[in-house]
Amino acid sequence: MADFDSNPFADPEFNNPFKDPSVTQVTRNPPPALEEYNPFTDGRTETAAAQAELLRRQEELEQKAAELDRREREMKNLSYDPRKNNWPPLPERCPVGPCFYQDLSVDIPVEFQKTVKMLYYLWMFHAVTLLVNIIGCLAWFCVDSYRGVDFGLAILWFLLFTPCSFICWYRPLYKAFRSDSSFSFFLFFFVFICQFAVHVLQSVGIPQWGNCGWISALTALNRSIPVGVLMMIVAAAFTGSAVVSLIMFKKVHGMYRTTGASFEKAQQEFATGVMSNKTVQTAAANAASTAARGAFKGNQI
């Protein structure tokens, strides 16, 4: 048996012509096997996750529906009416309750809420001006005993114009934007232009008319400077009401032209409202019955 140490040519590594003894061989491990993709298993997993999500959302919706149903039952038990009159805001102990329902955020579209709110503030400003007008006329009456008529008329204008302006032009405007009513628009325009004329007369201040306008204020300066200054402030408030009223009139008229309202629609709404009125229906039925009885008796004769 040959000795490899003594015979180097007997080493098979030495006889390998492709073997470079100066290069150290590096043993490479095979790459890890990739996880095999199973489309059936992964599809079932995604379907199960989607079904679980749908079940969770369904449970949430059922819980919300149950909560809404519970609140509705509570509201019915408490006899709560969401459209209950809430204006004017009066205390519960007051013997007279609210007369109107008003909620701008619910009844009025978003694009018209600012305009309606500004007109509401204009009405409040005019009411406060009429109240201050009473104080001015009282002060004038204190320095001039011949001004009792102005003081009495100032009280009358406050008691008359404050509720009438709210009912005759603000409420029609509110209804016009709430239900897009052409008839309410025309009613607002007619009354509001009359209101503007009243503002002008109040700002002028003709004596014996019960208004602290410019003429009355300048006349009162001859009697008392403090009273004259107070009346000039009231006159400025009346003038401001007239100017703002004219601006708001033009603004509402511009909005009215974009709503599609017309005079023909106003006539149709008026006719429909009149015919649907129970009083008118009863009167028409009574008139028809009377006419039928008269015709029947005439035929018998």
Protein backbone atom coordinates (compact mmCIF):
# COMPACT_ATOMS: atom_id res chain seq x y z
CA MET A 1 0.00 0.00 0.00
CA ALA A 2 1.51 3.30 -1.09
CA ASP A 3 2.26 6.01 1.43
CA PHE A 4 0.70 9.37 0.44
CA ASP A 5 3.14 11.33 2.58
CA SER A 6 6.08 9.97 0.69
CA ASN A 7 4.35 10.12 -2.70
CA PRO A 8 2.63 13.42 -3.24
CA PHE A 9 1.32 12.41 -6.63
CA ALA A 10 -0.84 9.78 -5.02
CA ASP A 11 -3.06 12.54 -3.35
CA PRO A 12 -6.20 12.96 -5.44
CA GLU A 13 -6.43 16.63 -4.46
CA PHE A 14 -2.97 17.16 -5.86
CA ASN A 15 -3.86 15.48 -9.14
CA ASN A 16 -6.99 17.77 -9.61
CA PRO A 17 -5.90 20.21 -12.31
CA PHE A 18 -8.76 22.68 -11.41
CA LYS A 19 -7.80 22.83 -7.78
CA ASP A 20 -5.98 25.94 -6.73
CA PRO A 21 -4.25 25.18 -3.44
CA SER A 22 -3.90 28.92 -2.68
CA VAL A 23 -7.70 29.50 -2.70
CA THR A 24 -9.68 28.45 0.32
CA GLN A 25 -13.02 26.91 -0.52
CA VAL A 26 -16.08 28.38 1.13
CA THR A 27 -18.98 26.13 1.85
CA ARG A 28 -22.28 27.77 0.86
CA ASN A 29 -25.47 26.80 2.59
CA PRO A 30 -28.48 26.40 0.35
CA PRO A 31 -31.02 29.29 0.50
CA PRO A 32 -33.98 28.77 2.80
CA ALA A 33 -37.00 27.36 1.10
CA LEU A 34 -39.77 29.97 0.45
CA GLU A 35 -43.07 29.47 2.13
CA GLU A 36 -45.44 27.95 -0.28
CA TYR A 37 -48.41 30.20 -1.22
CA ASN A 38 -51.80 28.60 -0.98
CA PRO A 39 -54.47 30.74 -2.69
CA PHE A 40 -57.33 28.75 -1.20
CA THR A 41 -56.18 29.14 2.41
CA ASP A 42 -55.39 32.88 2.07
CA GLY A 43 -58.72 33.57 0.33
CA ARG A 44 -60.62 31.91 3.17
CA THR A 45 -58.71 34.03 5.71
CA GLU A 46 -59.58 37.33 3.95
CA THR A 47 -63.25 36.31 3.63
CA ALA A 48 -63.43 35.43 7.31
CA ALA A 49 -61.88 38.80 8.26
CA ALA A 50 -64.38 40.68 6.07
CA GLN A 51 -67.28 38.78 7.57
CA ALA A 52 -66.04 39.55 11.07
CA GLU A 53 -65.83 43.27 10.20
CA LEU A 54 -69.37 43.24 8.77
CA LEU A 55 -70.69 41.52 11.87
CA ARG A 56 -68.99 44.10 14.08
CA ARG A 57 -70.50 46.99 12.12
CA GLN A 58 -73.91 45.34 12.18
CA GLU A 59 -73.73 45.04 15.94
CA GLU A 60 -72.80 48.72 16.24
CA LEU A 61 -75.72 49.74 14.03
CA GLU A 62 -78.10 47.59 16.06
CA GLN A 63 -76.86 49.18 19.27
CA LYS A 64 -77.35 52.68 17.85
CA ALA A 65 -80.84 51.77 16.62
CA ALA A 66 -81.73 50.43 20.04
CA GLU A 67 -80.45 53.62 21.66
CA LEU A 68 -82.48 55.82 19.30
CA ASP A 69 -85.57 53.70 19.93
CA ARG A 70 -85.07 54.06 23.67
CA ARG A 71 -84.74 57.85 23.41
CA GLU A 72 -87.82 58.06 21.22
CA ARG A 73 -89.85 56.12 23.78
CA GLU A 74 -88.58 58.41 26.54
CA MET A 75 -89.57 61.48 24.52
CA LYS A 76 -93.05 60.07 23.96
CA ASN A 77 -93.41 59.26 27.63
CA LEU A 78 -92.46 62.81 28.53
CA SER A 79 -94.91 64.15 25.92
CA TYR A 80 -92.11 66.15 24.33
CA ASP A 81 -92.97 68.05 21.15
CA PRO A 82 -89.89 69.07 19.11
CA ARG A 83 -91.96 71.70 17.28
CA LYS A 84 -93.33 73.26 20.43
CA ASN A 85 -93.50 77.05 20.40
CA ASN A 86 -90.34 78.56 21.86
CA TRP A 87 -90.57 82.29 21.03
CA PRO A 88 -90.69 84.63 22.81
CA PRO A 89 -88.64 82.85 25.50
CA LEU A 90 -90.82 83.26 28.56
CA PRO A 91 -90.40 81.69 31.99
CA GLU A 92 -92.50 78.63 32.75
CA ARG A 93 -94.38 80.45 35.52
CA CYS A 94 -95.59 83.10 33.08
CA PRO A 95 -99.35 82.72 32.43
CA VAL A 96 -98.80 83.49 28.72
CA GLY A 97 -96.78 80.96 26.75
CA PRO A 98 -94.64 81.36 23.61
CA CYS A 99 -96.55 82.12 20.42
CA PHE A 100 -94.16 80.97 17.67
CA TYR A 101 -91.64 78.27 16.88
CA GLN A 102 -88.28 79.58 15.72
CA ASP A 103 -85.02 77.73 15.10
CA LEU A 104 -82.81 79.18 12.36
CA SER A 105 -80.39 76.25 12.34
CA VAL A 106 -83.24 73.79 11.65
CA ASP A 107 -85.76 75.67 9.48
CA ILE A 108 -83.59 77.98 7.36
CA PRO A 109 -81.11 76.71 4.73
CA VAL A 110 -77.48 77.38 5.54
CA GLU A 111 -76.97 79.91 2.72
CA PHE A 112 -79.85 82.08 4.04
CA GLN A 113 -79.30 81.81 7.79
CA LYS A 114 -77.00 84.85 8.02
CA THR A 115 -79.49 87.11 6.21
CA VAL A 116 -82.45 86.01 8.35
CA LYS A 117 -80.37 86.45 11.49
CA MET A 118 -79.36 90.00 10.46
CA LEU A 119 -83.01 90.93 9.89
CA TYR A 120 -83.88 89.47 13.28
CA TYR A 121 -81.22 91.66 14.87
CA LEU A 122 -82.58 94.64 12.89
CA TRP A 123 -86.03 94.03 14.36
CA MET A 124 -84.55 93.85 17.87
CA PHE A 125 -82.60 97.08 17.28
CA HIS A 126 -85.75 98.87 16.13
CA ALA A 127 -87.66 97.62 19.19
CA VAL A 128 -84.91 98.91 21.50
CA THR A 129 -84.88 102.24 19.64
CA LEU A 130 -88.64 102.60 20.17
CA LEU A 131 -88.12 101.93 23.87
CA VAL A 132 -85.38 104.56 24.11
CA ASN A 133 -87.65 106.89 22.16
CA ILE A 134 -90.12 106.73 25.06
CA ILE A 135 -87.35 107.81 27.45
CA GLY A 136 -86.37 110.66 25.14
CA CYS A 137 -89.95 111.90 24.81
CA LEU A 138 -90.39 111.63 28.59
CA ALA A 139 -87.28 113.75 29.13
CA TRP A 140 -88.58 116.26 26.59
CA PHE A 141 -91.94 116.33 28.38
CA CYS A 142 -90.15 117.01 31.68
CA VAL A 143 -88.51 120.17 30.31
CA ASP A 144 -91.45 121.22 28.15
CA SER A 145 -94.97 120.63 29.48
CA TYR A 146 -96.47 120.99 26.00
CA ARG A 147 -94.86 117.71 24.83
CA GLY A 148 -97.25 115.33 26.56
CA VAL A 149 -98.72 114.30 23.20
CA ASP A 150 -95.27 113.17 22.00
CA PHE A 151 -94.76 111.12 25.14
CA GLY A 152 -98.16 109.42 24.78
CA LEU A 153 -97.61 108.68 21.08
CA ALA A 154 -94.14 107.29 21.81
CA ILE A 155 -95.71 104.72 24.12
CA LEU A 156 -98.31 103.90 21.48
CA TRP A 157 -95.69 103.44 18.74
CA PHE A 158 -93.71 101.07 20.95
CA LEU A 159 -96.75 98.94 21.81
CA LEU A 160 -97.94 98.94 18.19
CA PHE A 161 -94.83 98.69 16.01
CA THR A 162 -92.88 96.16 18.09
CA PRO A 163 -95.29 93.19 17.71
CA CYS A 164 -96.66 94.27 14.32
CA SER A 165 -93.22 94.50 12.72
CA PHE A 166 -92.37 91.02 13.98
CA ILE A 167 -95.62 89.48 12.74
CA CYS A 168 -96.06 91.43 9.51
CA TRP A 169 -92.57 91.38 7.97
CA TYR A 170 -90.14 89.24 9.98
CA ARG A 171 -92.34 86.14 10.20
CA PRO A 172 -93.23 86.29 6.46
CA LEU A 173 -89.51 86.51 5.70
CA TYR A 174 -88.84 83.52 7.98
CA LYS A 175 -91.57 81.50 6.26
CA ALA A 176 -90.38 82.59 2.82
CA PHE A 177 -86.88 81.19 3.31
CA ARG A 178 -88.13 78.18 5.26
CA SER A 179 -90.60 76.89 2.66
CA ASP A 180 -89.58 78.92 -0.44
CA SER A 181 -92.96 80.66 -0.43
CA SER A 182 -93.52 83.28 -3.12
CA PHE A 183 -96.55 84.70 -1.30
CA SER A 184 -94.51 85.22 1.88
CA PHE A 185 -91.82 87.00 -0.14
CA PHE A 186 -94.33 89.43 -1.63
CA LEU A 187 -95.92 90.03 1.78
CA PHE A 188 -92.49 90.79 3.24
CA PHE A 189 -91.60 93.22 0.43
CA PHE A 190 -94.87 95.14 0.76
CA VAL A 191 -94.76 95.50 4.55
CA PHE A 192 -91.02 96.10 4.77
CA ILE A 193 -91.11 98.99 2.31
CA CYS A 194 -93.84 100.53 4.50
CA GLN A 195 -91.60 99.91 7.50
CA PHE A 196 -88.78 101.75 5.71
CA ALA A 197 -91.08 104.76 5.19
CA VAL A 198 -91.91 104.71 8.91
CA HIS A 199 -88.18 104.67 9.74
CA VAL A 200 -87.67 107.75 7.57
CA LEU A 201 -90.51 109.63 9.29
CA GLN A 202 -89.21 108.63 12.70
CA SER A 203 -85.72 109.85 11.85
CA VAL A 204 -87.11 113.20 10.62
CA GLY A 205 -88.91 113.71 13.93
CA ILE A 206 -91.86 115.97 13.17
CA PRO A 207 -93.12 117.54 16.43
CA GLN A 208 -96.39 116.23 17.86
CA TRP A 209 -95.76 112.85 16.13
CA GLY A 210 -94.14 111.10 19.09
CA ASN A 211 -90.66 110.62 17.60
CA CYS A 212 -87.29 111.89 18.79
CA GLY A 213 -86.09 112.73 15.29
CA TRP A 214 -83.70 115.42 14.12
CA ILE A 215 -86.25 118.23 14.07
CA SER A 216 -87.52 117.39 17.56
CA ALA A 217 -83.96 117.03 18.88
CA LEU A 218 -82.90 120.43 17.52
CA THR A 219 -86.05 121.96 19.01
CA ALA A 220 -85.31 120.39 22.41
CA LEU A 221 -81.79 121.89 22.43
CA ASN A 222 -83.38 125.29 23.05
CA ARG A 223 -84.85 123.96 26.32
CA SER A 224 -82.14 121.62 27.58
CA ILE A 225 -78.85 120.58 26.04
CA PRO A 226 -78.70 117.11 27.74
CA VAL A 227 -82.25 116.32 26.61
CA GLY A 228 -81.41 117.52 23.10
CA VAL A 229 -78.32 115.32 22.99
CA LEU A 230 -80.34 112.29 24.16
CA MET A 231 -82.93 112.93 21.46
CA MET A 232 -80.18 113.29 18.84
CA ILE A 233 -78.90 109.84 19.80
CA VAL A 234 -82.40 108.44 19.27
CA ALA A 235 -82.63 110.28 15.94
CA ALA A 236 -79.32 108.73 14.87
CA ALA A 237 -80.68 105.28 15.80
CA PHE A 238 -83.80 105.86 13.68
CA THR A 239 -81.59 107.00 10.78
CA GLY A 240 -79.40 103.92 11.10
CA SER A 241 -82.49 101.69 11.08
CA ALA A 242 -83.66 103.34 7.86
CA VAL A 243 -80.28 102.90 6.13
CA VAL A 244 -79.85 99.26 7.20
CA SER A 245 -83.46 98.50 6.20
CA LEU A 246 -82.81 99.76 2.67
CA ILE A 247 -79.62 97.67 2.40
CA MET A 248 -81.35 94.52 3.65
CA PHE A 249 -84.29 95.10 1.34
CA LYS A 250 -81.97 95.10 -1.68
CA LYS A 251 -80.13 92.02 -0.38
CA VAL A 252 -83.31 90.01 0.17
CA HIS A 253 -84.63 91.05 -3.23
CA GLY A 254 -81.44 89.76 -4.84
CA MET A 255 -81.83 86.43 -3.05
CA TYR A 256 -85.50 86.30 -4.01
CA ARG A 257 -84.58 86.47 -7.70
CA THR A 258 -82.36 83.39 -7.31
CA THR A 259 -85.01 81.25 -5.58
CA GLY A 260 -87.33 80.95 -8.57
CA ALA A 261 -90.24 82.67 -6.83
CA SER A 262 -92.70 84.63 -8.99
CA PHE A 263 -95.96 86.55 -8.81
CA GLU A 264 -97.83 83.66 -10.48
CA LYS A 265 -96.62 81.26 -7.78
CA ALA A 266 -97.71 83.75 -5.12
CA GLN A 267 -101.21 83.86 -6.61
CA GLN A 268 -101.39 80.05 -6.69
CA GLU A 269 -100.21 79.79 -3.07
CA PHE A 270 -102.74 82.40 -1.98
CA ALA A 271 -105.57 80.63 -3.78
CA THR A 272 -104.54 77.26 -2.38
CA GLY A 273 -104.27 78.67 1.14
CA VAL A 274 -107.67 80.32 0.93
CA MET A 275 -109.40 77.22 -0.42
CA SER A 276 -107.76 74.99 2.20
CA ASN A 277 -108.88 77.25 5.05
CA LYS A 278 -111.57 75.55 7.11
CA THR A 279 -113.46 78.79 7.71
CA VAL A 280 -113.63 79.50 3.99
CA GLN A 281 -114.67 75.91 3.26
CA THR A 282 -117.44 76.12 5.86
CA ALA A 283 -118.68 79.46 4.49
CA ALA A 284 -118.64 78.14 0.92
CA ALA A 285 -120.53 75.00 1.95
CA ASN A 286 -123.14 77.05 3.79
CA ALA A 287 -123.55 79.37 0.80
CA ALA A 288 -123.93 76.42 -1.56
CA SER A 289 -126.45 74.77 0.76
CA THR A 290 -128.48 77.99 1.02
CA ALA A 291 -128.44 78.43 -2.75
CA ALA A 292 -129.56 74.82 -3.27
CA ARG A 293 -132.43 75.23 -0.81
CA GLY A 294 -133.53 78.42 -2.52
CA ALA A 295 -133.47 76.77 -5.92
CA PHE A 296 -135.43 73.79 -4.60
CA LYS A 297 -138.13 76.02 -3.09
CA GLY A 298 -138.33 77.98 -6.33
CA ASN A 299 -138.92 74.83 -8.30
CA GLN A 300 -141.69 73.77 -5.90
CA ILE A 301 -143.47 77.07 -6.36
